[in-house]
């Protein structure tokens, strides 16, 4: 895998305010992970869907962190071209703080050790930065 910038072919889907948006995909219907569910968010005023216990625990932390204004699960979907193929990515959460807004992917530490995962996250970071979004990867 190279570190070159992928060619972007679409902008993200989304609106300005989280409460006016729905997730771009339902996490309850996809895949075979039995750890999916809905988290009752008091900070957002409506539930957030999660795809793993790690995401759920991260949502719990976001709820009690006084610097977090609000957050939104599965906030946008991007398409980009890398290695000659069209790729898709749906980051885990968008976070609004008192100082900034950024996109986060929540991954287990073991998954971050895989070169394929690191490569994909680098491509996602490049795509989001090209579109004007700050991006972070969190592992708890």
N, C-alpha and C. Protein backbone atom coordinates (compact mmCIF):
# COMPACT_ATOMS: atom_id res chain seq x y z
N UNK A 1 0.83 -1.18 0.00
CA UNK A 1 0.00 0.00 0.00
C UNK A 1 0.88 1.24 0.00
N UNK A 2 0.48 2.22 -0.78
CA UNK A 2 1.25 3.45 -0.85
C UNK A 2 0.60 4.52 0.01
N UNK A 3 1.35 5.57 0.28
CA UNK A 3 0.83 6.69 1.06
C UNK A 3 0.27 7.80 0.18
N UNK A 4 0.10 7.51 -1.13
CA UNK A 4 -0.42 8.56 -2.00
C UNK A 4 -1.88 8.84 -1.71
N UNK A 5 -2.29 10.07 -2.00
CA UNK A 5 -3.65 10.52 -1.76
C UNK A 5 -4.59 9.81 -2.73
N UNK A 6 -5.67 9.18 -2.22
CA UNK A 6 -6.63 8.57 -3.13
C UNK A 6 -7.40 9.64 -3.89
N UNK A 7 -7.94 9.28 -5.05
CA UNK A 7 -8.76 10.21 -5.82
C UNK A 7 -10.18 10.13 -5.30
N UNK A 8 -10.76 11.26 -4.95
CA UNK A 8 -12.08 11.30 -4.34
C UNK A 8 -13.14 11.44 -5.41
N UNK A 9 -14.23 10.68 -5.25
CA UNK A 9 -15.27 10.73 -6.26
C UNK A 9 -16.62 11.15 -5.72
N UNK A 10 -16.71 11.42 -4.42
CA UNK A 10 -17.99 11.88 -3.86
C UNK A 10 -17.75 12.60 -2.55
N UNK A 11 -18.65 13.49 -2.23
CA UNK A 11 -18.61 14.20 -0.96
C UNK A 11 -19.40 13.42 0.08
N UNK A 12 -19.18 13.69 1.38
CA UNK A 12 -19.94 12.99 2.42
C UNK A 12 -21.39 13.42 2.46
N UNK A 13 -22.20 12.54 2.98
CA UNK A 13 -23.62 12.84 3.20
C UNK A 13 -23.73 13.40 4.59
N UNK A 14 -24.50 14.46 4.79
CA UNK A 14 -24.66 14.98 6.13
C UNK A 14 -25.30 16.35 6.18
N UNK A 15 -25.68 16.77 7.34
CA UNK A 15 -26.24 18.09 7.57
C UNK A 15 -25.53 18.71 8.76
N UNK A 16 -25.85 19.93 9.09
CA UNK A 16 -25.10 20.66 10.11
C UNK A 16 -25.40 20.20 11.52
N UNK A 17 -26.63 19.87 11.84
CA UNK A 17 -26.97 19.55 13.23
C UNK A 17 -27.29 18.09 13.40
N UNK A 18 -26.76 17.49 14.45
CA UNK A 18 -26.94 16.06 14.68
C UNK A 18 -28.40 15.70 14.88
N UNK A 19 -29.15 16.51 15.59
CA UNK A 19 -30.52 16.10 15.86
C UNK A 19 -31.40 16.18 14.63
N UNK A 20 -30.95 16.86 13.58
CA UNK A 20 -31.69 16.92 12.34
C UNK A 20 -31.26 15.82 11.37
N UNK A 21 -30.30 15.01 11.76
CA UNK A 21 -29.74 13.98 10.90
C UNK A 21 -30.07 12.60 11.42
N UNK A 22 -30.17 11.68 10.49
CA UNK A 22 -30.22 10.27 10.85
C UNK A 22 -28.86 9.68 10.50
N UNK A 23 -28.55 8.56 11.10
CA UNK A 23 -27.33 7.87 10.74
C UNK A 23 -27.42 7.50 9.27
N UNK A 24 -26.27 7.48 8.60
CA UNK A 24 -26.28 7.18 7.18
C UNK A 24 -26.50 5.70 6.90
N UNK A 25 -26.33 4.88 7.92
CA UNK A 25 -26.68 3.46 7.80
C UNK A 25 -27.06 2.95 9.18
N UNK A 26 -27.93 1.96 9.21
CA UNK A 26 -28.33 1.37 10.48
C UNK A 26 -27.30 0.34 10.91
N UNK A 27 -26.81 0.47 12.12
CA UNK A 27 -25.85 -0.50 12.63
C UNK A 27 -26.56 -1.74 13.16
N UNK A 28 -27.86 -1.67 13.33
CA UNK A 28 -28.61 -2.80 13.87
C UNK A 28 -28.88 -3.87 12.82
N UNK A 29 -28.83 -3.52 11.54
CA UNK A 29 -29.21 -4.44 10.49
C UNK A 29 -28.04 -5.08 9.77
N UNK A 30 -26.84 -4.56 9.90
CA UNK A 30 -25.73 -5.05 9.09
C UNK A 30 -24.84 -6.01 9.87
N UNK A 31 -24.27 -6.96 9.14
CA UNK A 31 -23.27 -7.86 9.71
C UNK A 31 -23.79 -8.84 10.73
N UNK A 32 -22.87 -9.64 11.29
CA UNK A 32 -23.25 -10.67 12.22
C UNK A 32 -22.82 -10.41 13.65
N UNK A 33 -22.33 -9.22 13.93
CA UNK A 33 -21.86 -8.89 15.27
C UNK A 33 -23.05 -8.83 16.24
N UNK A 34 -23.01 -9.65 17.27
CA UNK A 34 -24.12 -9.68 18.23
C UNK A 34 -24.00 -8.59 19.29
N UNK A 35 -23.00 -7.74 19.21
CA UNK A 35 -22.76 -6.69 20.20
C UNK A 35 -23.33 -5.34 19.76
N UNK A 36 -24.24 -5.33 18.82
CA UNK A 36 -24.85 -4.10 18.33
C UNK A 36 -26.03 -3.72 19.22
N UNK A 37 -26.33 -2.43 19.25
CA UNK A 37 -27.46 -2.01 20.05
C UNK A 37 -27.71 -0.53 19.95
N UNK A 38 -28.58 -0.04 20.82
CA UNK A 38 -28.94 1.36 20.86
C UNK A 38 -28.61 1.92 22.23
N UNK A 39 -27.99 3.08 22.25
CA UNK A 39 -27.55 3.73 23.48
C UNK A 39 -28.42 4.97 23.70
N UNK A 40 -29.04 5.07 24.86
CA UNK A 40 -29.89 6.22 25.20
C UNK A 40 -29.01 7.41 25.55
N UNK A 41 -28.94 8.38 24.67
CA UNK A 41 -28.09 9.54 24.87
C UNK A 41 -28.89 10.71 25.41
N UNK A 42 -28.57 11.13 26.63
CA UNK A 42 -29.21 12.31 27.21
C UNK A 42 -28.61 13.58 26.62
N UNK A 43 -27.33 13.53 26.30
CA UNK A 43 -26.65 14.70 25.74
C UNK A 43 -27.23 15.08 24.38
N UNK A 44 -27.59 14.09 23.58
CA UNK A 44 -28.13 14.34 22.25
C UNK A 44 -29.65 14.45 22.24
N UNK A 45 -30.29 13.87 23.23
CA UNK A 45 -31.74 13.90 23.30
C UNK A 45 -32.42 12.83 22.45
N UNK A 46 -31.65 11.92 21.88
CA UNK A 46 -32.19 10.81 21.12
C UNK A 46 -31.16 9.69 21.11
N UNK A 47 -31.58 8.44 20.84
CA UNK A 47 -30.67 7.30 20.92
C UNK A 47 -29.62 7.29 19.81
N UNK A 48 -28.48 6.66 20.12
CA UNK A 48 -27.39 6.46 19.17
C UNK A 48 -27.15 4.96 19.02
N UNK A 49 -26.98 4.50 17.81
CA UNK A 49 -26.71 3.08 17.58
C UNK A 49 -25.21 2.83 17.63
N UNK A 50 -24.83 1.68 18.18
CA UNK A 50 -23.42 1.31 18.23
C UNK A 50 -23.23 -0.07 17.61
N UNK A 51 -21.99 -0.33 17.17
CA UNK A 51 -21.66 -1.59 16.51
C UNK A 51 -20.81 -2.52 17.36
N UNK A 52 -20.34 -2.03 18.50
CA UNK A 52 -19.50 -2.86 19.36
C UNK A 52 -19.60 -2.36 20.79
N UNK A 53 -19.20 -3.19 21.72
CA UNK A 53 -19.17 -2.77 23.11
C UNK A 53 -18.16 -1.63 23.31
N UNK A 54 -17.10 -1.65 22.53
CA UNK A 54 -16.10 -0.58 22.60
C UNK A 54 -16.74 0.77 22.24
N UNK A 55 -17.54 0.79 21.17
CA UNK A 55 -18.24 2.03 20.80
C UNK A 55 -19.22 2.44 21.90
N UNK A 56 -19.93 1.48 22.46
CA UNK A 56 -20.88 1.79 23.54
C UNK A 56 -20.17 2.42 24.73
N UNK A 57 -19.03 1.85 25.11
CA UNK A 57 -18.26 2.42 26.22
C UNK A 57 -17.75 3.82 25.87
N UNK A 58 -17.39 4.04 24.63
CA UNK A 58 -16.94 5.36 24.19
C UNK A 58 -18.10 6.37 24.28
N UNK A 59 -19.30 5.95 23.89
CA UNK A 59 -20.48 6.81 24.02
C UNK A 59 -20.73 7.18 25.48
N UNK A 60 -20.54 6.21 26.39
CA UNK A 60 -20.71 6.49 27.81
C UNK A 60 -19.72 7.57 28.26
N UNK A 61 -18.48 7.48 27.79
CA UNK A 61 -17.47 8.48 28.12
C UNK A 61 -17.85 9.84 27.55
N UNK A 62 -18.35 9.86 26.30
CA UNK A 62 -18.78 11.13 25.69
C UNK A 62 -19.90 11.78 26.49
N UNK A 63 -20.80 10.96 27.03
CA UNK A 63 -21.93 11.49 27.82
C UNK A 63 -21.46 12.23 29.07
N UNK A 64 -20.42 11.76 29.71
CA UNK A 64 -19.98 12.37 30.98
C UNK A 64 -18.88 13.40 30.80
N UNK A 65 -18.30 13.50 29.60
CA UNK A 65 -17.23 14.46 29.36
C UNK A 65 -17.83 15.86 29.21
N UNK A 66 -17.49 16.80 30.08
CA UNK A 66 -18.10 18.13 30.03
C UNK A 66 -17.69 18.95 28.80
N UNK A 67 -16.62 18.57 28.13
CA UNK A 67 -16.18 19.31 26.94
C UNK A 67 -16.95 18.92 25.68
N UNK A 68 -17.67 17.81 25.73
CA UNK A 68 -18.43 17.34 24.58
C UNK A 68 -19.81 17.97 24.60
N UNK A 69 -20.15 18.68 23.53
CA UNK A 69 -21.47 19.30 23.42
C UNK A 69 -22.49 18.27 22.95
N UNK A 70 -22.15 17.58 21.87
CA UNK A 70 -23.00 16.52 21.34
C UNK A 70 -22.16 15.61 20.45
N UNK A 71 -22.75 14.49 20.03
CA UNK A 71 -22.08 13.56 19.14
C UNK A 71 -23.12 12.82 18.32
N UNK A 72 -22.67 12.23 17.22
CA UNK A 72 -23.58 11.52 16.33
C UNK A 72 -22.90 10.27 15.79
N UNK A 73 -23.55 9.13 15.97
CA UNK A 73 -23.04 7.86 15.45
C UNK A 73 -23.27 7.78 13.95
N UNK A 74 -22.34 7.13 13.24
CA UNK A 74 -22.44 6.89 11.80
C UNK A 74 -22.84 8.17 11.06
N UNK A 75 -22.06 9.26 11.20
CA UNK A 75 -22.50 10.56 10.73
C UNK A 75 -22.44 10.79 9.22
N UNK A 76 -21.54 10.11 8.53
CA UNK A 76 -21.40 10.35 7.11
C UNK A 76 -20.81 9.13 6.43
N UNK A 77 -20.98 9.10 5.13
CA UNK A 77 -20.44 8.01 4.32
C UNK A 77 -19.58 8.64 3.24
N UNK A 78 -18.38 8.12 3.06
CA UNK A 78 -17.51 8.65 2.01
C UNK A 78 -17.19 7.55 1.01
N UNK A 79 -16.97 7.98 -0.22
CA UNK A 79 -16.48 7.08 -1.26
C UNK A 79 -15.20 7.71 -1.79
N UNK A 80 -14.20 6.87 -2.00
CA UNK A 80 -12.94 7.36 -2.52
C UNK A 80 -12.30 6.26 -3.35
N UNK A 81 -11.34 6.63 -4.16
CA UNK A 81 -10.65 5.65 -5.00
C UNK A 81 -9.26 5.45 -4.42
N UNK A 82 -8.91 4.20 -4.19
CA UNK A 82 -7.57 3.84 -3.69
C UNK A 82 -7.19 2.50 -4.29
N UNK A 83 -5.94 2.37 -4.67
CA UNK A 83 -5.43 1.14 -5.28
C UNK A 83 -6.28 0.74 -6.49
N UNK A 84 -6.77 1.74 -7.21
CA UNK A 84 -7.53 1.47 -8.42
C UNK A 84 -8.96 1.01 -8.21
N UNK A 85 -9.43 1.01 -6.97
CA UNK A 85 -10.79 0.56 -6.66
C UNK A 85 -11.55 1.63 -5.91
N UNK A 86 -12.88 1.62 -6.06
CA UNK A 86 -13.72 2.50 -5.28
C UNK A 86 -13.91 1.88 -3.90
N UNK A 87 -13.63 2.66 -2.90
CA UNK A 87 -13.76 2.21 -1.50
C UNK A 87 -14.84 3.02 -0.81
N UNK A 88 -15.42 2.45 0.24
CA UNK A 88 -16.44 3.12 1.04
C UNK A 88 -16.01 3.09 2.50
N UNK A 89 -16.35 4.13 3.20
CA UNK A 89 -16.08 4.17 4.65
C UNK A 89 -17.20 4.93 5.34
N UNK A 90 -17.60 4.43 6.49
CA UNK A 90 -18.57 5.10 7.35
C UNK A 90 -17.94 5.22 8.73
N UNK A 91 -17.36 6.38 9.05
CA UNK A 91 -16.74 6.56 10.37
C UNK A 91 -17.75 6.36 11.50
N UNK A 92 -17.24 6.08 12.69
CA UNK A 92 -18.08 5.71 13.82
C UNK A 92 -18.86 6.87 14.43
N UNK A 93 -18.24 8.03 14.58
CA UNK A 93 -18.92 9.11 15.31
C UNK A 93 -18.35 10.49 14.94
N UNK A 94 -19.22 11.48 14.90
CA UNK A 94 -18.81 12.89 14.78
C UNK A 94 -19.02 13.51 16.15
N UNK A 95 -18.04 14.30 16.59
CA UNK A 95 -18.09 14.89 17.92
C UNK A 95 -17.98 16.40 17.81
N UNK A 96 -18.86 17.09 18.53
CA UNK A 96 -18.81 18.54 18.65
C UNK A 96 -18.34 18.85 20.07
N UNK A 97 -17.24 19.59 20.18
CA UNK A 97 -16.76 20.04 21.49
C UNK A 97 -16.93 21.55 21.57
N UNK A 98 -16.54 22.11 22.70
CA UNK A 98 -16.61 23.56 22.85
C UNK A 98 -15.63 24.26 21.91
N UNK A 99 -14.57 23.56 21.51
CA UNK A 99 -13.53 24.18 20.69
C UNK A 99 -13.52 23.73 19.23
N UNK A 100 -14.04 22.53 18.92
CA UNK A 100 -13.90 22.02 17.55
C UNK A 100 -14.92 20.92 17.26
N UNK A 101 -14.88 20.46 16.02
CA UNK A 101 -15.68 19.33 15.57
C UNK A 101 -14.74 18.37 14.86
N UNK A 102 -14.91 17.07 15.11
CA UNK A 102 -14.05 16.10 14.44
C UNK A 102 -14.76 14.76 14.31
N UNK A 103 -14.21 13.92 13.45
CA UNK A 103 -14.73 12.59 13.16
C UNK A 103 -13.82 11.58 13.85
N UNK A 104 -14.42 10.52 14.42
CA UNK A 104 -13.66 9.51 15.16
C UNK A 104 -14.05 8.11 14.69
N UNK A 105 -13.05 7.25 14.56
CA UNK A 105 -13.27 5.81 14.43
C UNK A 105 -12.77 5.18 15.72
N UNK A 106 -13.57 4.28 16.28
CA UNK A 106 -13.24 3.57 17.51
C UNK A 106 -12.85 2.15 17.14
N UNK A 107 -11.61 1.76 17.43
CA UNK A 107 -11.11 0.44 17.04
C UNK A 107 -10.42 -0.24 18.22
N UNK A 108 -10.54 -1.57 18.31
CA UNK A 108 -9.79 -2.30 19.34
C UNK A 108 -8.29 -2.25 19.05
N UNK A 109 -7.50 -2.22 20.08
CA UNK A 109 -6.04 -2.15 19.94
C UNK A 109 -5.50 -3.28 19.06
N UNK A 110 -6.02 -4.49 19.21
CA UNK A 110 -5.54 -5.62 18.41
C UNK A 110 -5.77 -5.38 16.92
N UNK A 111 -6.87 -4.75 16.58
CA UNK A 111 -7.17 -4.48 15.17
C UNK A 111 -6.21 -3.43 14.61
N UNK A 112 -5.78 -2.50 15.45
CA UNK A 112 -4.85 -1.46 15.00
C UNK A 112 -3.46 -2.00 14.72
N UNK A 113 -3.17 -3.21 15.18
CA UNK A 113 -1.88 -3.81 14.91
C UNK A 113 -1.78 -4.39 13.50
N UNK A 114 -2.92 -4.56 12.84
CA UNK A 114 -2.96 -5.14 11.49
C UNK A 114 -2.62 -4.07 10.46
N UNK A 115 -1.70 -4.40 9.56
CA UNK A 115 -1.29 -3.45 8.53
C UNK A 115 -2.45 -3.05 7.62
N UNK A 116 -3.33 -3.98 7.30
CA UNK A 116 -4.47 -3.68 6.45
C UNK A 116 -5.39 -2.63 7.09
N UNK A 117 -5.63 -2.77 8.40
CA UNK A 117 -6.46 -1.80 9.12
C UNK A 117 -5.79 -0.44 9.16
N UNK A 118 -4.51 -0.41 9.46
CA UNK A 118 -3.78 0.88 9.51
C UNK A 118 -3.80 1.56 8.14
N UNK A 119 -3.66 0.77 7.08
CA UNK A 119 -3.70 1.33 5.74
C UNK A 119 -5.06 1.93 5.41
N UNK A 120 -6.11 1.22 5.77
CA UNK A 120 -7.45 1.74 5.51
C UNK A 120 -7.70 3.02 6.29
N UNK A 121 -7.30 3.04 7.56
CA UNK A 121 -7.51 4.24 8.38
C UNK A 121 -6.72 5.43 7.85
N UNK A 122 -5.54 5.18 7.30
CA UNK A 122 -4.76 6.25 6.68
C UNK A 122 -5.51 6.79 5.46
N UNK A 123 -6.07 5.92 4.66
CA UNK A 123 -6.84 6.35 3.49
C UNK A 123 -8.09 7.14 3.91
N UNK A 124 -8.77 6.67 4.96
CA UNK A 124 -9.95 7.38 5.46
C UNK A 124 -9.54 8.75 5.98
N UNK A 125 -8.45 8.81 6.72
CA UNK A 125 -7.96 10.10 7.23
C UNK A 125 -7.67 11.06 6.08
N UNK A 126 -6.99 10.59 5.05
CA UNK A 126 -6.68 11.44 3.91
C UNK A 126 -7.94 11.93 3.22
N UNK A 127 -8.91 11.04 3.06
CA UNK A 127 -10.18 11.41 2.41
C UNK A 127 -10.91 12.46 3.23
N UNK A 128 -11.01 12.26 4.54
CA UNK A 128 -11.72 13.21 5.40
C UNK A 128 -11.00 14.55 5.47
N UNK A 129 -9.67 14.53 5.54
CA UNK A 129 -8.92 15.79 5.56
C UNK A 129 -9.12 16.54 4.25
N UNK A 130 -9.15 15.82 3.14
CA UNK A 130 -9.38 16.45 1.84
C UNK A 130 -10.76 17.13 1.82
N UNK A 131 -11.72 16.56 2.52
CA UNK A 131 -13.08 17.11 2.58
C UNK A 131 -13.25 18.14 3.70
N UNK A 132 -12.16 18.42 4.44
CA UNK A 132 -12.20 19.46 5.45
C UNK A 132 -12.56 19.01 6.86
N UNK A 133 -12.50 17.71 7.12
CA UNK A 133 -12.83 17.19 8.45
C UNK A 133 -11.57 16.78 9.21
N UNK A 134 -11.52 17.12 10.48
CA UNK A 134 -10.48 16.59 11.36
C UNK A 134 -10.85 15.15 11.70
N UNK A 135 -9.85 14.27 11.86
CA UNK A 135 -10.10 12.85 12.04
C UNK A 135 -9.18 12.27 13.11
N UNK A 136 -9.73 11.42 13.95
CA UNK A 136 -8.97 10.75 14.99
C UNK A 136 -9.37 9.29 15.06
N UNK A 137 -8.44 8.46 15.49
CA UNK A 137 -8.72 7.05 15.76
C UNK A 137 -8.54 6.87 17.25
N UNK A 138 -9.53 6.25 17.90
CA UNK A 138 -9.51 6.05 19.34
C UNK A 138 -9.51 4.55 19.62
N UNK A 139 -8.69 4.15 20.56
CA UNK A 139 -8.69 2.78 21.04
C UNK A 139 -8.71 2.82 22.55
N UNK A 140 -9.60 2.07 23.13
CA UNK A 140 -9.76 2.11 24.59
C UNK A 140 -9.33 0.79 25.18
